[in-house]
Amino acid sequence: GGDLPWRDASQAVFLEAMDLTVESGQHGVYTRTTVPVEGGSVLVIALDLRYHKSPYSDVDGDFLGEAQWAWLAETLQSVKEDAVVVVSSLQVLDERYGMGERWGRFPAARRRLLKVLESCRKPLV
């Protein structure tokens, strides 16, 4: 999470092990890729919900961090593909608060995510 002192080293090991790259200076492993499909293409957006994750004791916490929020908003506003798939490692639509891994643990961040997703002008999954 966002309070772990070894998160940069962990990111570097993960990127090397998975043979992945991210933009220079990017904190977190979030990415987008275009997948060709019959009749068009789909933009797949993968979010990183660990690098900037607030402690669950912080009810007003966040998963993404401001740089990833800005990247997501920009990405969704500039979609050229026919449809968009957003990959979240945690449940988004479960509104319950309490124990368990889900966006509902940070209600304000969940509302922000839904608002950003609604801004996309393409079919969204």
Protein backbone atom coordinates (compact mmCIF):
# COMPACT_ATOMS: atom_id res chain seq x y z
CA GLY A 1 0.00 0.00 0.00
CA GLY A 2 0.84 3.67 -0.04
CA ASP A 3 2.52 3.50 3.35
CA LEU A 4 4.92 0.66 2.54
CA PRO A 5 8.55 1.81 2.34
CA TRP A 6 9.56 -0.88 -0.16
CA ARG A 7 6.85 -0.30 -2.74
CA ASP A 8 9.26 1.12 -5.37
CA ALA A 9 11.54 -1.92 -5.03
CA SER A 10 8.50 -4.20 -5.17
CA GLN A 11 7.30 -2.49 -8.36
CA ALA A 12 10.73 -2.89 -9.96
CA VAL A 13 10.86 -6.62 -9.13
CA PHE A 14 7.32 -7.13 -10.44
CA LEU A 15 8.04 -5.31 -13.70
CA GLU A 16 11.21 -7.32 -14.24
CA ALA A 17 9.56 -10.65 -13.41
CA MET A 18 6.62 -9.97 -15.72
CA ASP A 19 8.80 -8.38 -18.43
CA LEU A 20 6.70 -5.21 -18.34
CA THR A 21 7.50 -1.53 -18.58
CA VAL A 22 5.73 1.61 -17.44
CA GLU A 23 6.41 5.23 -18.26
CA SER A 24 9.55 6.59 -16.65
CA GLY A 25 8.74 7.94 -13.20
CA GLN A 26 5.33 6.25 -13.05
CA HIS A 27 4.47 5.11 -9.55
CA GLY A 28 2.24 2.06 -9.84
CA VAL A 29 1.66 -0.60 -12.46
CA TYR A 30 -1.34 0.72 -14.36
CA THR A 31 -1.60 0.51 -18.11
CA ARG A 32 -3.79 0.53 -21.18
CA THR A 33 -3.65 -1.57 -24.32
CA THR A 34 -5.70 -1.80 -27.48
CA VAL A 35 -6.99 -5.22 -28.43
CA PRO A 36 -8.17 -5.75 -32.01
CA VAL A 37 -11.50 -7.55 -32.31
CA GLU A 38 -13.65 -8.43 -35.28
CA GLY A 39 -15.09 -5.18 -36.58
CA GLY A 40 -13.06 -2.82 -34.38
CA SER A 41 -11.00 -2.60 -31.24
CA VAL A 42 -11.34 -2.59 -27.45
CA LEU A 43 -9.31 -0.50 -25.03
CA VAL A 44 -8.36 -2.49 -21.92
CA ILE A 45 -7.42 -0.37 -18.91
CA ALA A 46 -5.77 -2.09 -15.94
CA LEU A 47 -5.71 -0.15 -12.68
CA ASP A 48 -3.15 -0.46 -9.88
CA LEU A 49 -4.99 -0.53 -6.58
CA ARG A 50 -1.97 -1.29 -4.37
CA TYR A 51 0.80 1.26 -4.92
CA HIS A 52 -1.12 4.27 -3.49
CA LYS A 53 -3.64 2.37 -1.33
CA SER A 54 -4.46 4.15 1.90
CA PRO A 55 -4.72 2.16 5.13
CA TYR A 56 -8.24 0.82 5.62
CA SER A 57 -8.40 2.72 8.90
CA ASP A 58 -8.65 5.89 6.78
CA VAL A 59 -12.34 6.02 5.79
CA ASP A 60 -11.55 8.86 3.36
CA GLY A 61 -8.74 6.84 1.81
CA ASP A 62 -7.97 6.11 -1.80
CA PHE A 63 -6.64 3.34 -4.01
CA LEU A 64 -5.30 5.19 -7.05
CA GLY A 65 -3.36 8.32 -6.13
CA GLU A 66 -3.76 11.61 -7.99
CA ALA A 67 -1.46 10.79 -10.92
CA GLN A 68 -3.41 7.61 -11.72
CA TRP A 69 -6.73 9.44 -11.34
CA ALA A 70 -5.58 12.05 -13.85
CA TRP A 71 -4.29 9.35 -16.22
CA LEU A 72 -7.59 7.44 -16.00
CA ALA A 73 -9.70 10.54 -16.66
CA GLU A 74 -7.53 11.54 -19.63
CA THR A 75 -7.54 7.99 -20.99
CA LEU A 76 -11.34 7.74 -20.82
CA GLN A 77 -11.82 11.17 -22.42
CA SER A 78 -9.57 10.35 -25.39
CA VAL A 79 -10.81 6.85 -26.25
CA LYS A 80 -10.64 6.11 -29.97
CA GLU A 81 -11.50 2.40 -29.66
CA ASP A 82 -15.05 1.07 -30.02
CA ALA A 83 -15.42 -0.09 -26.41
CA VAL A 84 -13.58 0.00 -23.09
CA VAL A 85 -12.91 -2.66 -20.46
CA VAL A 86 -11.67 -1.43 -17.07
CA VAL A 87 -9.91 -4.03 -14.94
CA SER A 88 -10.09 -3.54 -11.17
CA SER A 89 -8.70 -6.18 -8.84
CA LEU A 90 -11.41 -5.28 -6.32
CA GLN A 91 -15.20 -5.25 -6.47
CA VAL A 92 -16.53 -1.88 -7.57
CA LEU A 93 -20.32 -2.21 -7.38
CA ASP A 94 -20.52 -3.78 -3.93
CA GLU A 95 -21.59 -0.83 -1.74
CA ARG A 96 -21.19 -2.48 1.65
CA TYR A 97 -18.71 -0.94 4.03
CA GLY A 98 -16.71 -3.05 6.43
CA MET A 99 -14.36 -5.95 6.22
CA GLY A 100 -13.18 -7.35 2.93
CA GLU A 101 -11.39 -6.05 -0.11
CA ARG A 102 -13.61 -3.77 -2.21
CA TRP A 103 -13.98 -0.18 -3.33
CA GLY A 104 -16.74 0.21 -0.74
CA ARG A 105 -14.06 0.47 1.95
CA PHE A 106 -13.32 3.97 0.59
CA PRO A 107 -16.79 5.35 -0.29
CA ALA A 108 -15.59 8.73 -1.61
CA ALA A 109 -13.02 7.06 -3.89
CA ARG A 110 -15.70 4.65 -5.12
CA ARG A 111 -18.04 7.55 -5.97
CA ARG A 112 -15.17 9.31 -7.74
CA LEU A 113 -14.41 6.18 -9.78
CA LEU A 114 -18.03 5.79 -10.85
CA LYS A 115 -18.17 9.47 -11.86
CA VAL A 116 -14.97 9.15 -13.92
CA LEU A 117 -16.29 5.97 -15.58
CA GLU A 118 -19.57 7.71 -16.43
CA SER A 119 -17.61 10.35 -18.34
CA CYS A 120 -16.55 7.79 -20.95
CA ARG A 121 -18.48 8.21 -24.20
CA LYS A 122 -17.92 4.64 -25.38
CA PRO A 123 -19.51 1.36 -24.24
CA LEU A 124 -17.83 0.47 -20.95
CA VAL A 125 -17.44 -2.83 -19.15
